[in-house]
Amino acid sequence: MDKHEEDTCTYTYKTCGNRRTIKRDGSFHRLCEFHRKKANALQKAYATKRRRELHSLRELVKQSVQVGRDCIDNNTNNTLFDLDEVEPIALSSQAAGFSDEEFAYLCLELQLL
C-alpha cells in the first residue's frame, strides 16, 4: 500500500479521494472530515430516536404498573389468583423478544419499583 492509499478516506459505499482526518494522538481516523461529520450526524439522529423510543417504553411500563396496582388495590377479597383456575401460557416460536438494551432497561425499571 503506497502513502496515498494509507491517508485516503476509507468510506465504504463510494470511493472518496479525500485525506483522512488526524486524531489528537496523531494517528489517522478512518474517514475524511466530510464523511466523519456525515456519520456523526446519522449516529446522533439514531441515538435521539432510540432515546425517544426508550422514553416511550418507560412511560408504557409506568402506566402498566399503575394499572396493575390499581387492580390489586380494587381487589376486595385479597386473593389474586385461584391456582386451580390458572392455565399455562403456550409458548410461541413467533413471539418477538426484547433487544439486549430493552431487556436491560426493563430490568432496571423493575428494580426501581
PDB file of N, CA and C in Angstrom:
ATOM      1  N   MET A   1       0.851  -1.172   0.000  1.00  0.00           N
ATOM      2  CA  MET A   1       0.000   0.000   0.000  1.00  0.00           C
ATOM      3  C   MET A   1       0.902   1.241   0.000  1.00  0.00           C
ATOM      4  N   ASP A   2       0.662   2.129  -0.944  1.00  0.00           N
ATOM      5  CA  ASP A   2       1.510   3.317  -1.004  1.00  0.00           C
ATOM      6  C   ASP A   2       1.003   4.396  -0.048  1.00  0.00           C
ATOM      7  N   LYS A   3       1.768   5.453   0.067  1.00  0.00           N
ATOM      8  CA  LYS A   3       1.483   6.524   1.025  1.00  0.00           C
ATOM      9  C   LYS A   3       0.114   7.156   0.772  1.00  0.00           C
ATOM     10  N   HIS A   4      -0.252   7.343  -0.518  1.00  0.00           N
ATOM     11  CA  HIS A   4      -1.525   7.977  -0.852  1.00  0.00           C
ATOM     12  C   HIS A   4      -2.706   7.125  -0.383  1.00  0.00           C
ATOM     13  N   GLU A   5      -2.629   5.804  -0.544  1.00  0.00           N
ATOM     14  CA  GLU A   5      -3.715   4.920  -0.124  1.00  0.00           C
ATOM     15  C   GLU A   5      -3.841   4.871   1.396  1.00  0.00           C
ATOM     16  N   GLU A   6      -2.742   5.040   2.101  1.00  0.00           N
ATOM     17  CA  GLU A   6      -2.767   4.991   3.563  1.00  0.00           C
ATOM     18  C   GLU A   6      -3.502   6.174   4.173  1.00  0.00           C
ATOM     19  N   ASP A   7      -3.412   7.338   3.538  1.00  0.00           N
ATOM     20  CA  ASP A   7      -4.053   8.516   4.131  1.00  0.00           C
ATOM     21  C   ASP A   7      -5.321   8.936   3.385  1.00  0.00           C
ATOM     22  N   THR A   8      -5.917   8.033   2.590  1.00  0.00           N
ATOM     23  CA  THR A   8      -7.145   8.314   1.859  1.00  0.00           C
ATOM     24  C   THR A   8      -8.350   7.786   2.638  1.00  0.00           C
ATOM     25  N   CYS A   9      -9.431   8.525   2.585  1.00  0.00           N
ATOM     26  CA  CYS A   9     -10.675   8.164   3.272  1.00  0.00           C
ATOM     27  C   CYS A   9     -11.098   6.743   2.900  1.00  0.00           C
ATOM     28  N   THR A  10     -11.534   5.983   3.884  1.00  0.00           N
ATOM     29  CA  THR A  10     -11.947   4.594   3.646  1.00  0.00           C
ATOM     30  C   THR A  10     -13.467   4.455   3.698  1.00  0.00           C
ATOM     31  N   TYR A  11     -14.184   5.463   3.205  1.00  0.00           N
ATOM     32  CA  TYR A  11     -15.645   5.411   3.145  1.00  0.00           C
ATOM     33  C   TYR A  11     -16.053   4.181   2.353  1.00  0.00           C
ATOM     34  N   THR A  12     -16.981   3.397   2.886  1.00  0.00           N
ATOM     35  CA  THR A  12     -17.287   2.073   2.351  1.00  0.00           C
ATOM     36  C   THR A  12     -18.091   2.102   1.061  1.00  0.00           C
ATOM     37  N   TYR A  13     -19.074   2.959   0.954  1.00  0.00           N
ATOM     38  CA  TYR A  13     -20.055   2.863  -0.121  1.00  0.00           C
ATOM     39  C   TYR A  13     -19.654   3.555  -1.415  1.00  0.00           C
ATOM     40  N   LYS A  14     -18.617   4.340  -1.385  1.00  0.00           N
ATOM     41  CA  LYS A  14     -18.203   5.074  -2.572  1.00  0.00           C
ATOM     42  C   LYS A  14     -16.730   5.432  -2.416  1.00  0.00           C
ATOM     43  N   THR A  15     -16.020   5.451  -3.508  1.00  0.00           N
ATOM     44  CA  THR A  15     -14.615   5.829  -3.440  1.00  0.00           C
ATOM     45  C   THR A  15     -14.512   7.318  -3.123  1.00  0.00           C
ATOM     46  N   CYS A  16     -13.710   7.617  -2.138  1.00  0.00           N
ATOM     47  CA  CYS A  16     -13.513   9.009  -1.728  1.00  0.00           C
ATOM     48  C   CYS A  16     -12.014   9.283  -1.735  1.00  0.00           C
ATOM     49  N   GLY A  17     -11.605  10.285  -2.452  1.00  0.00           N
ATOM     50  CA  GLY A  17     -10.189  10.603  -2.555  1.00  0.00           C
ATOM     51  C   GLY A  17      -9.703  11.604  -1.521  1.00  0.00           C
ATOM     52  N   ASN A  18     -10.579  12.018  -0.619  1.00  0.00           N
ATOM     53  CA  ASN A  18     -10.182  12.994   0.402  1.00  0.00           C
ATOM     54  C   ASN A  18      -9.229  12.367   1.410  1.00  0.00           C
ATOM     55  N   ARG A  19      -8.432  13.232   2.024  1.00  0.00           N
ATOM     56  CA  ARG A  19      -7.495  12.754   3.050  1.00  0.00           C
ATOM     57  C   ARG A  19      -8.238  12.461   4.342  1.00  0.00           C
ATOM     58  N   ARG A  20      -7.787  11.426   5.036  1.00  0.00           N
ATOM     59  CA  ARG A  20      -8.352  11.086   6.338  1.00  0.00           C
ATOM     60  C   ARG A  20      -7.959  12.161   7.343  1.00  0.00           C
ATOM     61  N   THR A  21      -8.835  12.412   8.292  1.00  0.00           N
ATOM     62  CA  THR A  21      -8.507  13.383   9.332  1.00  0.00           C
ATOM     63  C   THR A  21      -7.586  12.732  10.357  1.00  0.00           C
ATOM     64  N   ILE A  22      -6.924  13.569  11.108  1.00  0.00           N
ATOM     65  CA  ILE A  22      -5.936  13.081  12.071  1.00  0.00           C
ATOM     66  C   ILE A  22      -6.498  13.226  13.483  1.00  0.00           C
ATOM     67  N   LYS A  23      -6.335  12.178  14.270  1.00  0.00           N
ATOM     68  CA  LYS A  23      -6.789  12.179  15.660  1.00  0.00           C
ATOM     69  C   LYS A  23      -5.871  13.046  16.512  1.00  0.00           C
ATOM     70  N   ARG A  24      -6.290  13.294  17.732  1.00  0.00           N
ATOM     71  CA  ARG A  24      -5.470  14.090  18.651  1.00  0.00           C
ATOM     72  C   ARG A  24      -4.137  13.421  18.950  1.00  0.00           C
ATOM     73  N   ASP A  25      -4.139  12.083  18.929  1.00  0.00           N
ATOM     74  CA  ASP A  25      -2.894  11.366  19.235  1.00  0.00           C
ATOM     75  C   ASP A  25      -1.965  11.255  18.025  1.00  0.00           C
ATOM     76  N   GLY A  26      -2.373  11.814  16.880  1.00  0.00           N
ATOM     77  CA  GLY A  26      -1.526  11.818  15.701  1.00  0.00           C
ATOM     78  C   GLY A  26      -1.819  10.711  14.709  1.00  0.00           C
ATOM     79  N   SER A  27      -2.610   9.724  15.081  1.00  0.00           N
ATOM     80  CA  SER A  27      -2.955   8.653  14.146  1.00  0.00           C
ATOM     81  C   SER A  27      -4.145   9.095  13.285  1.00  0.00           C
ATOM     82  N   PHE A  28      -4.424   8.325  12.231  1.00  0.00           N
ATOM     83  CA  PHE A  28      -5.498   8.675  11.305  1.00  0.00           C
ATOM     84  C   PHE A  28      -6.848   8.128  11.763  1.00  0.00           C
ATOM     85  N   HIS A  29      -7.897   8.939  11.562  1.00  0.00           N
ATOM     86  CA  HIS A  29      -9.255   8.410  11.617  1.00  0.00           C
ATOM     87  C   HIS A  29      -9.449   7.582  10.354  1.00  0.00           C
ATOM     88  N   ARG A  30     -10.524   6.822  10.274  1.00  0.00           N
ATOM     89  CA  ARG A  30     -10.782   6.029   9.075  1.00  0.00           C
ATOM     90  C   ARG A  30     -11.332   6.891   7.938  1.00  0.00           C
ATOM     91  N   LEU A  31     -12.022   7.987   8.276  1.00  0.00           N
ATOM     92  CA  LEU A  31     -12.740   8.771   7.285  1.00  0.00           C
ATOM     93  C   LEU A  31     -12.194  10.191   7.163  1.00  0.00           C
ATOM     94  N   CYS A  32     -12.570  10.836   6.055  1.00  0.00           N
ATOM     95  CA  CYS A  32     -12.244  12.251   5.877  1.00  0.00           C
ATOM     96  C   CYS A  32     -13.201  13.081   6.730  1.00  0.00           C
ATOM     97  N   GLU A  33     -12.965  14.375   6.796  1.00  0.00           N
ATOM     98  CA  GLU A  33     -13.789  15.263   7.623  1.00  0.00           C
ATOM     99  C   GLU A  33     -15.258  15.234   7.188  1.00  0.00           C
ATOM    100  N   PHE A  34     -15.509  15.266   5.877  1.00  0.00           N
ATOM    101  CA  PHE A  34     -16.878  15.261   5.365  1.00  0.00           C
ATOM    102  C   PHE A  34     -17.621  14.003   5.800  1.00  0.00           C
ATOM    103  N   HIS A  35     -17.015  12.835   5.583  1.00  0.00           N
ATOM    104  CA  HIS A  35     -17.696  11.587   5.919  1.00  0.00           C
ATOM    105  C   HIS A  35     -17.785  11.370   7.434  1.00  0.00           C
ATOM    106  N   ARG A  36     -16.850  11.899   8.198  1.00  0.00           N
ATOM    107  CA  ARG A  36     -16.953  11.823   9.664  1.00  0.00           C
ATOM    108  C   ARG A  36     -18.143  12.638  10.147  1.00  0.00           C
ATOM    109  N   LYS A  37     -18.304  13.862   9.615  1.00  0.00           N
ATOM    110  CA  LYS A  37     -19.444  14.695  10.011  1.00  0.00           C
ATOM    111  C   LYS A  37     -20.758  14.026   9.626  1.00  0.00           C
ATOM    112  N   LYS A  38     -20.785  13.429   8.438  1.00  0.00           N
ATOM    113  CA  LYS A  38     -21.987  12.745   7.977  1.00  0.00           C
ATOM    114  C   LYS A  38     -22.313  11.554   8.890  1.00  0.00           C
ATOM    115  N   ALA A  39     -21.322  10.752   9.212  1.00  0.00           N
ATOM    116  CA  ALA A  39     -21.525   9.586  10.083  1.00  0.00           C
ATOM    117  C   ALA A  39     -21.941  10.021  11.487  1.00  0.00           C
ATOM    118  N   ASN A  40     -21.319  11.065  12.008  1.00  0.00           N
ATOM    119  CA  ASN A  40     -21.670  11.557  13.345  1.00  0.00           C
ATOM    120  C   ASN A  40     -23.100  12.099  13.389  1.00  0.00           C
ATOM    121  N   ALA A  41     -23.526  12.780  12.317  1.00  0.00           N
ATOM    122  CA  ALA A  41     -24.895  13.298  12.266  1.00  0.00           C
ATOM    123  C   ALA A  41     -25.902  12.151  12.245  1.00  0.00           C
ATOM    124  N   LEU A  42     -25.614  11.110  11.465  1.00  0.00           N
ATOM    125  CA  LEU A  42     -26.506   9.946  11.425  1.00  0.00           C
ATOM    126  C   LEU A  42     -26.557   9.254  12.782  1.00  0.00           C
ATOM    127  N   GLN A  43     -25.415   9.135  13.427  1.00  0.00           N
ATOM    128  CA  GLN A  43     -25.365   8.494  14.742  1.00  0.00           C
ATOM    129  C   GLN A  43     -26.140   9.313  15.774  1.00  0.00           C
ATOM    130  N   LYS A  44     -26.029  10.625  15.690  1.00  0.00           N
ATOM    131  CA  LYS A  44     -26.750  11.494  16.619  1.00  0.00           C
ATOM    132  C   LYS A  44     -28.259  11.353  16.418  1.00  0.00           C
ATOM    133  N   ALA A  45     -28.699  11.298  15.156  1.00  0.00           N
ATOM    134  CA  ALA A  45     -30.124  11.128  14.869  1.00  0.00           C
ATOM    135  C   ALA A  45     -30.610   9.773  15.378  1.00  0.00           C
ATOM    136  N   TYR A  46     -29.823   8.729  15.179  1.00  0.00           N
ATOM    137  CA  TYR A  46     -30.199   7.398  15.655  1.00  0.00           C
ATOM    138  C   TYR A  46     -30.294   7.383  17.183  1.00  0.00           C
ATOM    139  N   ALA A  47     -29.327   7.986  17.853  1.00  0.00           N
ATOM    140  CA  ALA A  47     -29.319   7.998  19.321  1.00  0.00           C
ATOM    141  C   ALA A  47     -30.525   8.770  19.859  1.00  0.00           C
ATOM    142  N   THR A  48     -30.873   9.871  19.211  1.00  0.00           N
ATOM    143  CA  THR A  48     -32.036  10.655  19.629  1.00  0.00           C
ATOM    144  C   THR A  48     -33.312   9.840  19.458  1.00  0.00           C
ATOM    145  N   LYS A  49     -33.435   9.159  18.327  1.00  0.00           N
ATOM    146  CA  LYS A  49     -34.605   8.315  18.086  1.00  0.00           C
ATOM    147  C   LYS A  49     -34.684   7.205  19.127  1.00  0.00           C
ATOM    148  N   ARG A  50     -33.559   6.596  19.429  1.00  0.00           N
ATOM    149  CA  ARG A  50     -33.518   5.498  20.396  1.00  0.00           C
ATOM    150  C   ARG A  50     -33.909   5.980  21.796  1.00  0.00           C
ATOM    151  N   ARG A  51     -33.416   7.169  22.188  1.00  0.00           N
ATOM    152  CA  ARG A  51     -33.791   7.732  23.490  1.00  0.00           C
ATOM    153  C   ARG A  51     -35.292   7.995  23.558  1.00  0.00           C
ATOM    154  N   ARG A  52     -35.863   8.507  22.452  1.00  0.00           N
ATOM    155  CA  ARG A  52     -37.306   8.751  22.406  1.00  0.00           C
ATOM    156  C   ARG A  52     -38.085   7.447  22.562  1.00  0.00           C
ATOM    157  N   GLU A  53     -37.626   6.392  21.863  1.00  0.00           N
ATOM    158  CA  GLU A  53     -38.295   5.092  21.962  1.00  0.00           C
ATOM    159  C   GLU A  53     -38.213   4.541  23.384  1.00  0.00           C
ATOM    160  N   LEU A  54     -37.059   4.657  24.011  1.00  0.00           N
ATOM    161  CA  LEU A  54     -36.903   4.163  25.377  1.00  0.00           C
ATOM    162  C   LEU A  54     -37.745   4.968  26.358  1.00  0.00           C
ATOM    163  N   HIS A  55     -37.861   6.266  26.117  1.00  0.00           N
ATOM    164  CA  HIS A  55     -38.711   7.101  26.969  1.00  0.00           C
ATOM    165  C   HIS A  55     -40.171   6.652  26.845  1.00  0.00           C
ATOM    166  N   SER A  56     -40.617   6.387  25.618  1.00  0.00           N
ATOM    167  CA  SER A  56     -41.985   5.904  25.407  1.00  0.00           C
ATOM    168  C   SER A  56     -42.190   4.563  26.087  1.00  0.00           C
ATOM    169  N   LEU A  57     -41.194   3.699  25.990  1.00  0.00           N
ATOM    170  CA  LEU A  57     -41.270   2.391  26.637  1.00  0.00           C
ATOM    171  C   LEU A  57     -41.339   2.548  28.152  1.00  0.00           C
ATOM    172  N   ARG A  58     -40.557   3.470  28.695  1.00  0.00           N
ATOM    173  CA  ARG A  58     -40.576   3.723  30.134  1.00  0.00           C
ATOM    174  C   ARG A  58     -41.958   4.196  30.577  1.00  0.00           C
ATOM    175  N   GLU A  59     -42.560   5.097  29.808  1.00  0.00           N
ATOM    176  CA  GLU A  59     -43.897   5.588  30.145  1.00  0.00           C
ATOM    177  C   GLU A  59     -44.921   4.461  30.073  1.00  0.00           C
ATOM    178  N   LEU A  60     -44.802   3.595  29.077  1.00  0.00           N
ATOM    179  CA  LEU A  60     -45.718   2.466  28.947  1.00  0.00           C
ATOM    180  C   LEU A  60     -45.592   1.523  30.138  1.00  0.00           C
ATOM    181  N   VAL A  61     -44.357   1.265  30.564  1.00  0.00           N
ATOM    182  CA  VAL A  61     -44.135   0.400  31.726  1.00  0.00           C
ATOM    183  C   VAL A  61     -44.741   1.034  32.971  1.00  0.00           C
ATOM    184  N   LYS A  62     -44.543   2.326  33.162  1.00  0.00           N
ATOM    185  CA  LYS A  62     -45.110   3.012  34.327  1.00  0.00           C
ATOM    186  C   LYS A  62     -46.633   2.921  34.332  1.00  0.00           C
ATOM    187  N   GLN A  63     -47.250   3.128  33.158  1.00  0.00           N
ATOM    188  CA  GLN A  63     -48.705   3.050  33.069  1.00  0.00           C
ATOM    189  C   GLN A  63     -49.193   1.637  33.362  1.00  0.00           C
ATOM    190  N   SER A  64     -48.495   0.641  32.824  1.00  0.00           N
ATOM    191  CA  SER A  64     -48.885  -0.754  33.044  1.00  0.00           C
ATOM    192  C   SER A  64     -48.780  -1.119  34.513  1.00  0.00           C
ATOM    193  N   VAL A  65     -47.716  -0.667  35.156  1.00  0.00           N
ATOM    194  CA  VAL A  65     -47.533  -0.961  36.575  1.00  0.00           C
ATOM    195  C   VAL A  65     -48.628  -0.295  37.390  1.00  0.00           C
ATOM    196  N   GLN A  66     -48.982   0.933  37.049  1.00  0.00           N
ATOM    197  CA  GLN A  66     -50.029   1.640  37.787  1.00  0.00           C
ATOM    198  C   GLN A  66     -51.375   0.943  37.620  1.00  0.00           C
ATOM    199  N   VAL A  67     -51.676   0.492  36.405  1.00  0.00           N
ATOM    200  CA  VAL A  67     -52.930  -0.232  36.173  1.00  0.00           C
ATOM    201  C   VAL A  67     -52.938  -1.506  37.000  1.00  0.00           C
ATOM    202  N   GLY A  68     -51.813  -2.206  37.040  1.00  0.00           N
ATOM    203  CA  GLY A  68     -51.714  -3.422  37.845  1.00  0.00           C
ATOM    204  C   GLY A  68     -51.913  -3.137  39.319  1.00  0.00           C
ATOM    205  N   ARG A  69     -51.335  -2.063  39.801  1.00  0.00           N
ATOM    206  CA  ARG A  69     -51.504  -1.688  41.215  1.00  0.00           C
ATOM    207  C   ARG A  69     -52.954  -1.318  41.510  1.00  0.00           C
ATOM    208  N   ASP A  70     -53.587  -0.613  40.574  1.00  0.00           N
ATOM    209  CA  ASP A  70     -54.991  -0.249  40.765  1.00  0.00           C
ATOM    210  C   ASP A  70     -55.861  -1.495  40.850  1.00  0.00           C
ATOM    211  N   CYS A  71     -55.575  -2.484  40.019  1.00  0.00           N
ATOM    212  CA  CYS A  71     -56.347  -3.736  40.055  1.00  0.00           C
ATOM    213  C   CYS A  71     -56.165  -4.436  41.391  1.00  0.00           C
ATOM    214  N   ILE A  72     -54.953  -4.447  41.904  1.00  0.00           N
ATOM    215  CA  ILE A  72     -54.687  -5.091  43.190  1.00  0.00           C
ATOM    216  C   ILE A  72     -55.401  -4.338  44.309  1.00  0.00           C
ATOM    217  N   ASP A  73     -55.344  -2.996  44.260  1.00  0.00           N
ATOM    218  CA  ASP A  73     -56.000  -2.194  45.292  1.00  0.00           C
ATOM    219  C   ASP A  73     -57.517  -2.393  45.283  1.00  0.00           C
ATOM    220  N   ASN A  74     -58.086  -2.603  44.108  1.00  0.00           N
ATOM    221  CA  ASN A  74     -59.536  -2.757  43.987  1.00  0.00           C
ATOM    222  C   ASN A  74     -60.003  -4.179  44.280  1.00  0.00           C
ATOM    223  N   ASN A  75     -59.084  -5.068  44.509  1.00  0.00           N
ATOM    224  CA  ASN A  75     -59.437  -6.459  44.770  1.00  0.00           C
ATOM    225  C   ASN A  75     -59.951  -6.571  46.204  1.00  0.00           C
ATOM    226  N   THR A  76     -61.245  -6.826  46.352  1.00  0.00           N
ATOM    227  CA  THR A  76     -61.850  -6.794  47.690  1.00  0.00           C
ATOM    228  C   THR A  76     -61.590  -8.038  48.513  1.00  0.00           C
ATOM    229  N   ASN A  77     -61.392  -9.189  47.884  1.00  0.00           N
ATOM    230  CA  ASN A  77     -61.208 -10.392  48.688  1.00  0.00           C
ATOM    231  C   ASN A  77     -59.731 -10.745  48.892  1.00  0.00           C
ATOM    232  N   ASN A  78     -58.838  -9.894  48.421  1.00  0.00           N
ATOM    233  CA  ASN A  78     -57.393 -10.034  48.620  1.00  0.00           C
ATOM    234  C   ASN A  78     -56.805 -11.352  48.107  1.00  0.00           C
ATOM    235  N   THR A  79     -57.510 -12.036  47.241  1.00  0.00           N
ATOM    236  CA  THR A  79     -56.923 -13.214  46.598  1.00  0.00           C
ATOM    237  C   THR A  79     -56.638 -12.841  45.160  1.00  0.00           C
ATOM    238  N   LEU A  80     -55.398 -12.945  44.782  1.00  0.00           N
ATOM    239  CA  LEU A  80     -55.017 -12.545  43.433  1.00  0.00           C
ATOM    240  C   LEU A  80     -55.375 -13.621  42.418  1.00  0.00           C
ATOM    241  N   PHE A  81     -55.034 -14.866  42.717  1.00  0.00           N
ATOM    242  CA  PHE A  81     -55.267 -15.943  41.770  1.00  0.00           C
ATOM    243  C   PHE A  81     -55.748 -17.186  42.505  1.00  0.00           C
ATOM    244  N   ASP A  82     -56.659 -17.863  41.900  1.00  0.00           N
ATOM    245  CA  ASP A  82     -57.008 -19.201  42.353  1.00  0.00           C
ATOM    246  C   ASP A  82     -56.178 -20.136  41.486  1.00  0.00           C
ATOM    247  N   LEU A  83     -55.183 -20.792  42.063  1.00  0.00           N
ATOM    248  CA  LEU A  83     -54.226 -21.575  41.290  1.00  0.00           C
ATOM    249  C   LEU A  83     -54.877 -22.709  40.512  1.00  0.00           C
ATOM    250  N   ASP A  84     -56.053 -23.162  40.932  1.00  0.00           N
ATOM    251  CA  ASP A  84     -56.748 -24.208  40.179  1.00  0.00           C
ATOM    252  C   ASP A  84     -57.312 -23.675  38.866  1.00  0.00           C
ATOM    253  N   GLU A  85     -57.501 -22.374  38.785  1.00  0.00           N
ATOM    254  CA  GLU A  85     -58.075 -21.779  37.583  1.00  0.00           C
ATOM    255  C   GLU A  85     -57.028 -21.202  36.643  1.00  0.00           C
ATOM    256  N   VAL A  86     -55.776 -21.219  37.028  1.00  0.00           N
ATOM    257  CA  VAL A  86     -54.715 -20.655  36.193  1.00  0.00           C
ATOM    258  C   VAL A  86     -54.316 -21.677  35.141  1.00  0.00           C
ATOM    259  N   GLU A  87     -54.309 -21.244  33.890  1.00  0.00           N
ATOM    260  CA  GLU A  87     -53.903 -22.126  32.803  1.00  0.00           C
ATOM    261  C   GLU A  87     -52.534 -21.696  32.308  1.00  0.00           C
ATOM    262  N   PRO A  88     -51.700 -22.666  31.908  1.00  0.00           N
ATOM    263  CA  PRO A  88     -50.371 -22.304  31.409  1.00  0.00           C
ATOM    264  C   PRO A  88     -50.475 -21.543  30.092  1.00  0.00           C
ATOM    265  N   ILE A  89     -49.514 -20.697  29.874  1.00  0.00           N
ATOM    266  CA  ILE A  89     -49.454 -19.927  28.637  1.00  0.00           C
ATOM    267  C   ILE A  89     -48.641 -20.724  27.629  1.00  0.00           C
ATOM    268  N   ALA A  90     -49.192 -20.915  26.441  1.00  0.00           N
ATOM    269  CA  ALA A  90     -48.483 -21.652  25.400  1.00  0.00           C
ATOM    270  C   ALA A  90     -47.345 -20.790  24.866  1.00  0.00           C
ATOM    271  N   LEU A  91     -46.177 -21.387  24.732  1.00  0.00           N
ATOM    272  CA  LEU A  91     -45.036 -20.668  24.185  1.00  0.00           C
ATOM    273  C   LEU A  91     -45.117 -20.689  22.671  1.00  0.00           C
ATOM    274  N   SER A  92     -44.880 -19.572  22.065  1.00  0.00           N
ATOM    275  CA  SER A  92     -44.926 -19.464  20.616  1.00  0.00           C
ATOM    276  C   SER A  92     -43.546 -19.121  20.101  1.00  0.00           C
ATOM    277  N   SER A  93     -43.140 -19.801  19.052  1.00  0.00           N
ATOM    278  CA  SER A  93     -41.830 -19.500  18.475  1.00  0.00           C
ATOM    279  C   SER A  93     -41.853 -18.179  17.724  1.00  0.00           C
ATOM    280  N   GLN A  94     -43.041 -17.624  17.499  1.00  0.00           N
ATOM    281  CA  GLN A  94     -43.154 -16.375  16.764  1.00  0.00           C
ATOM    282  C   GLN A  94     -43.158 -15.153  17.675  1.00  0.00           C
ATOM    283  N   ALA A  95     -43.034 -15.366  18.951  1.00  0.00           N
ATOM    284  CA  ALA A  95     -43.058 -14.244  19.889  1.00  0.00           C
ATOM    285  C   ALA A  95     -41.836 -13.358  19.670  1.00  0.00           C
ATOM    286  N   ALA A  96     -42.067 -12.072  19.598  1.00  0.00           N
ATOM    287  CA  ALA A  96     -40.969 -11.126  19.410  1.00  0.00           C
ATOM    288  C   ALA A  96     -40.312 -10.863  20.754  1.00  0.00           C
ATOM    289  N   GLY A  97     -39.009 -10.957  20.801  1.00  0.00           N
ATOM    290  CA  GLY A  97     -38.283 -10.728  22.041  1.00  0.00           C
ATOM    291  C   GLY A  97     -37.810  -9.297  22.155  1.00  0.00           C
ATOM    292  N   PHE A  98     -37.240  -8.994  23.285  1.00  0.00           N
ATOM    293  CA  PHE A  98     -36.667  -7.675  23.509  1.00  0.00           C
ATOM    294  C   PHE A  98     -35.215  -7.672  23.066  1.00  0.00           C
ATOM    295  N   SER A  99     -34.736  -6.522  22.642  1.00  0.00           N
ATOM    296  CA  SER A  99     -33.309  -6.381  22.371  1.00  0.00           C
ATOM    297  C   SER A  99     -32.581  -6.380  23.716  1.00  0.00           C
ATOM    298  N   ASP A 100     -31.277  -6.551  23.689  1.00  0.00           N
ATOM    299  CA  ASP A 100     -30.498  -6.538  24.926  1.00  0.00           C
ATOM    300  C   ASP A 100     -30.690  -5.224  25.672  1.00  0.00           C
ATOM    301  N   GLU A 101     -30.735  -4.134  24.914  1.00  0.00           N
ATOM    302  CA  GLU A 101     -30.884  -2.812  25.524  1.00  0.00           C
ATOM    303  C   GLU A 101     -32.263  -2.663  26.173  1.00  0.00           C
ATOM    304  N   GLU A 102     -33.322  -3.130  25.487  1.00  0.00           N
ATOM    305  CA  GLU A 102     -34.665  -3.049  26.049  1.00  0.00           C
ATOM    306  C   GLU A 102     -34.794  -3.930  27.287  1.00  0.00           C
ATOM    307  N   PHE A 103     -34.209  -5.126  27.235  1.00  0.00           N
ATOM    308  CA  PHE A 103     -34.265  -6.036  28.372  1.00  0.00           C
ATOM    309  C   PHE A 103     -33.563  -5.425  29.585  1.00  0.00           C
ATOM    310  N   ALA A 104     -32.384  -4.843  29.363  1.00  0.00           N
ATOM    311  CA  ALA A 104     -31.646  -4.218  30.466  1.00  0.00           C
ATOM    312  C   ALA A 104     -32.448  -3.058  31.048  1.00  0.00           C
ATOM    313  N   TYR A 105     -33.088  -2.289  30.184  1.00  0.00           N
ATOM    314  CA  TYR A 105     -33.878  -1.160  30.651  1.00  0.00           C
ATOM    315  C   TYR A 105     -35.064  -1.635  31.493  1.00  0.00           C
ATOM    316  N   LEU A 106     -35.761  -2.673  31.019  1.00  0.00           N
ATOM    317  CA  LEU A 106     -36.897  -3.194  31.779  1.00  0.00           C
ATOM    318  C   LEU A 106     -36.460  -3.745  33.125  1.00  0.00           C
ATOM    319  N   CYS A 107     -35.322  -4.426  33.156  1.00  0.00           N
ATOM    320  CA  CYS A 107     -34.804  -4.939  34.430  1.00  0.00           C
ATOM    321  C   CYS A 107     -34.530  -3.788  35.388  1.00  0.00           C
ATOM    322  N   LEU A 108     -33.946  -2.723  34.866  1.00  0.00           N
ATOM    323  CA  LEU A 108     -33.663  -1.550  35.689  1.00  0.00           C
ATOM    324  C   LEU A 108     -34.959  -0.948  36.218  1.00  0.00           C
ATOM    325  N   GLU A 109     -35.963  -0.817  35.366  1.00  0.00           N
ATOM    326  CA  GLU A 109     -37.245  -0.254  35.792  1.00  0.00           C
ATOM    327  C   GLU A 109     -37.890  -1.119  36.871  1.00  0.00           C
ATOM    328  N   LEU A 110     -37.820  -2.428  36.722  1.00  0.00           N
ATOM    329  CA  LEU A 110     -38.434  -3.314  37.707  1.00  0.00           C
ATOM    330  C   LEU A 110     -37.724  -3.232  39.054  1.00  0.00           C
ATOM    331  N   GLN A 111     -36.427  -2.971  39.036  1.00  0.00           N
ATOM    332  CA  GLN A 111     -35.689  -2.828  40.289  1.00  0.00           C
ATOM    333  C   GLN A 111     -36.097  -1.558  41.018  1.00  0.00           C
ATOM    334  N   LEU A 112     -36.512  -0.548  40.277  1.00  0.00           N
ATOM    335  CA  LEU A 112     -36.882   0.729  40.881  1.00  0.00           C
ATOM    336  C   LEU A 112     -38.279   0.700  41.489  1.00  0.00           C
ATOM    337  N   LEU A 113     -39.065  -0.313  41.165  1.00  0.00           N
ATOM    338  CA  LEU A 113     -40.447  -0.370  41.676  1.00  0.00           C
ATOM    339  C   LEU A 113     -40.489  -0.777  43.118  1.00  0.00           C
TER     340      LEU A 113
END
